[in-house]
C-alpha atoms as a PDB file:
ATOM      1  CA  MET A   1      -6.100  14.363   1.285  1.00  0.00           C
ATOM      2  CA  GLY A   2      -4.378  15.592   4.449  1.00  0.00           C
ATOM      3  CA  SER A   3      -4.936  19.041   6.417  1.00  0.00           C
ATOM      4  CA  GLU A   4      -3.666  20.659   9.397  1.00  0.00           C
ATOM      5  CA  ALA A   5      -4.817  21.328  13.064  1.00  0.00           C
ATOM      6  CA  GLN A   6      -3.100  22.836  15.991  1.00  0.00           C
ATOM      7  CA  PRO A   7      -2.402  21.190  19.221  1.00  0.00           C
ATOM      8  CA  ARG A   8      -5.201  23.164  20.830  1.00  0.00           C
ATOM      9  CA  ASP A   9      -7.571  21.344  18.202  1.00  0.00           C
ATOM     10  CA  LEU A  10      -6.628  18.095  19.749  1.00  0.00           C
ATOM     11  CA  ARG A  11      -8.106  19.109  22.987  1.00  0.00           C
ATOM     12  CA  ASN A  12     -11.069  21.203  21.695  1.00  0.00           C
ATOM     13  CA  ASN A  13     -12.154  19.115  18.685  1.00  0.00           C
ATOM     14  CA  TYR A  14     -10.936  15.582  19.556  1.00  0.00           C
ATOM     15  CA  GLY A  15     -14.282  14.029  18.392  1.00  0.00           C
ATOM     16  CA  ASP A  16     -13.976  15.781  14.753  1.00  0.00           C
ATOM     17  CA  LEU A  17     -10.443  15.118  14.198  1.00  0.00           C
ATOM     18  CA  LEU A  18     -10.938  11.420  14.852  1.00  0.00           C
ATOM     19  CA  ARG A  19     -14.062  11.462  12.419  1.00  0.00           C
ATOM     20  CA  ARG A  20     -12.069  12.936   9.784  1.00  0.00           C
ATOM     21  CA  VAL A  21      -9.206  10.456  10.179  1.00  0.00           C
ATOM     22  CA  GLN A  22     -11.833   7.441  10.440  1.00  0.00           C
ATOM     23  CA  ALA A  23     -12.831   8.825   6.933  1.00  0.00           C
ATOM     24  CA  GLY A  24      -9.541   8.337   5.581  1.00  0.00           C
ATOM     25  CA  GLU A  25      -8.238  11.882   5.952  1.00  0.00           C
ATOM     26  CA  THR A  26      -4.725  12.342   7.423  1.00  0.00           C
ATOM     27  CA  VAL A  27      -4.419  15.274   9.974  1.00  0.00           C
ATOM     28  CA  ASP A  28      -0.767  16.958  10.572  1.00  0.00           C
ATOM     29  CA  ILE A  29      -0.709  18.610  13.930  1.00  0.00           C
ATOM     30  CA  VAL A  30       1.348  21.722  13.470  1.00  0.00           C
ATOM     31  CA  ARG A  31       2.856  24.004  16.099  1.00  0.00           C
ATOM     32  CA  ASP A  32       4.542  27.116  15.130  1.00  0.00           C
ATOM     33  CA  GLY A  33       4.432  26.082  11.614  1.00  0.00           C
ATOM     34  CA  VAL A  34       6.273  22.865  12.010  1.00  0.00           C
ATOM     35  CA  ALA A  35       4.460  19.469  11.544  1.00  0.00           C
ATOM     36  CA  ILE A  36       5.231  17.587  14.926  1.00  0.00           C
ATOM     37  CA  ALA A  37       2.783  14.635  14.415  1.00  0.00           C
ATOM     38  CA  SER A  38       0.179  13.094  12.013  1.00  0.00           C
ATOM     39  CA  LEU A  39      -3.123  11.458  12.908  1.00  0.00           C
ATOM     40  CA  THR A  40      -3.508   8.715  10.139  1.00  0.00           C
ATOM     41  CA  PRO A  41      -5.931   6.173   9.367  1.00  0.00           C
ATOM     42  CA  PRO A  42      -4.713   2.421  10.395  1.00  0.00           C
ATOM     43  CA  ARG A  43      -2.936   0.562   7.496  1.00  0.00           C
ATOM     44  CA  LEU A  44      -4.750  -2.060   5.925  1.00  0.00           C
ATOM     45  CA  PRO A  45      -3.294  -5.576   6.364  1.00  0.00           C
ATOM     46  CA  ARG A  46      -1.080  -6.639   3.589  1.00  0.00           C
ATOM     47  CA  GLY A  47      -1.580  -9.828   1.733  1.00  0.00           C
ATOM     48  CA  ALA A  48      -4.682 -11.974   1.838  1.00  0.00           C
ATOM     49  CA  SER A  49      -5.265 -15.152   3.400  1.00  0.00           C
ATOM     50  CA  ARG A  50      -5.003 -18.696   1.702  1.00  0.00           C
ATOM     51  CA  GLU A  51      -8.877 -19.262   1.592  1.00  0.00           C
ATOM     52  CA  ARG A  52      -9.196 -15.754  -0.129  1.00  0.00           C
ATOM     53  CA  LEU A  53      -6.739 -16.488  -2.611  1.00  0.00           C
ATOM     54  CA  VAL A  54      -8.100 -19.871  -3.507  1.00  0.00           C
ATOM     55  CA  GLU A  55     -11.555 -18.121  -3.713  1.00  0.00           C
ATOM     56  CA  VAL A  56     -10.283 -15.492  -5.948  1.00  0.00           C
ATOM     57  CA  PHE A  57      -8.335 -18.058  -8.468  1.00  0.00           C
ATOM     58  CA  ALA A  58     -10.626 -20.748  -8.450  1.00  0.00           C
ATOM     59  CA  GLY A  59     -12.009 -19.711 -11.843  1.00  0.00           C
ATOM     60  CA  ALA A  60      -8.806 -18.825 -13.376  1.00  0.00           C
ATOM     61  CA  ASP A  61      -7.554 -20.970 -16.280  1.00  0.00           C
ATOM     62  CA  HIS A  62      -4.415 -22.859 -15.841  1.00  0.00           C
ATOM     63  CA  ILE A  63      -1.109 -21.924 -16.894  1.00  0.00           C
ATOM     64  CA  ASP A  64       1.182 -24.126 -18.899  1.00  0.00           C
ATOM     65  CA  ARG A  65       4.527 -23.577 -17.254  1.00  0.00           C
ATOM     66  CA  ASP A  66       6.501 -24.433 -20.374  1.00  0.00           C
ATOM     67  CA  ALA A  67       4.413 -22.320 -22.470  1.00  0.00           C
ATOM     68  CA  PHE A  68       4.808 -19.235 -19.854  1.00  0.00           C
ATOM     69  CA  PHE A  69       8.761 -19.353 -19.875  1.00  0.00           C
ATOM     70  CA  ALA A  70       8.867 -19.849 -23.717  1.00  0.00           C
ATOM     71  CA  ASP A  71       6.874 -16.733 -24.011  1.00  0.00           C
ATOM     72  CA  LEU A  72       9.147 -15.023 -21.665  1.00  0.00           C
ATOM     73  CA  ASP A  73      12.305 -16.082 -23.510  1.00  0.00           C
ATOM     74  CA  ALA A  74      10.634 -14.990 -26.813  1.00  0.00           C
ATOM     75  CA  VAL A  75      10.424 -11.206 -25.450  1.00  0.00           C
ATOM     76  CA  SER A  76      13.537 -10.960 -23.172  1.00  0.00           C
ATOM     77  CA  ASP A  77      16.961  -9.912 -23.987  1.00  0.00           C
ATOM     78  CA  SER A  78      19.068 -12.918 -24.460  1.00  0.00           C
ATOM     79  CA  SER A  79      22.211 -10.508 -24.422  1.00  0.00           C
ATOM     80  CA  LEU A  80      22.009  -9.763 -20.732  1.00  0.00           C
ATOM     81  CA  ARG A  81      24.668 -11.787 -18.806  1.00  0.00           C
ATOM     82  CA  ASP A  82      25.112 -12.184 -15.268  1.00  0.00           C
ATOM     83  CA  PRO A  83      28.382 -10.200 -14.465  1.00  0.00           C
ATOM     84  CA  TYR A  84      29.246 -12.518 -11.654  1.00  0.00           C
ATOM     85  CA  ALA A  85      28.771 -15.914 -13.222  1.00  0.00           C
ATOM     86  CA  THR A  86      32.063 -17.792 -13.440  1.00  0.00           C
END
């Protein structure tokens, strides 16, 4: 959840603002009623390492490729065609 702070709050309450951001809050810096900046927590890295994926999926069942695509064909709309196919 976000909140607002004035530019003077950056000077007077810097530590408190950073603690709030560290806790996951986004703080918009507002001057004269207009947002001029945002303090936000850093984004988490996207994706996972190969090692983590192997760990997560180690106990997963094997997917039969042919059965998987047969199931997709059974529920897909076969009337759809590529308009650019020649």
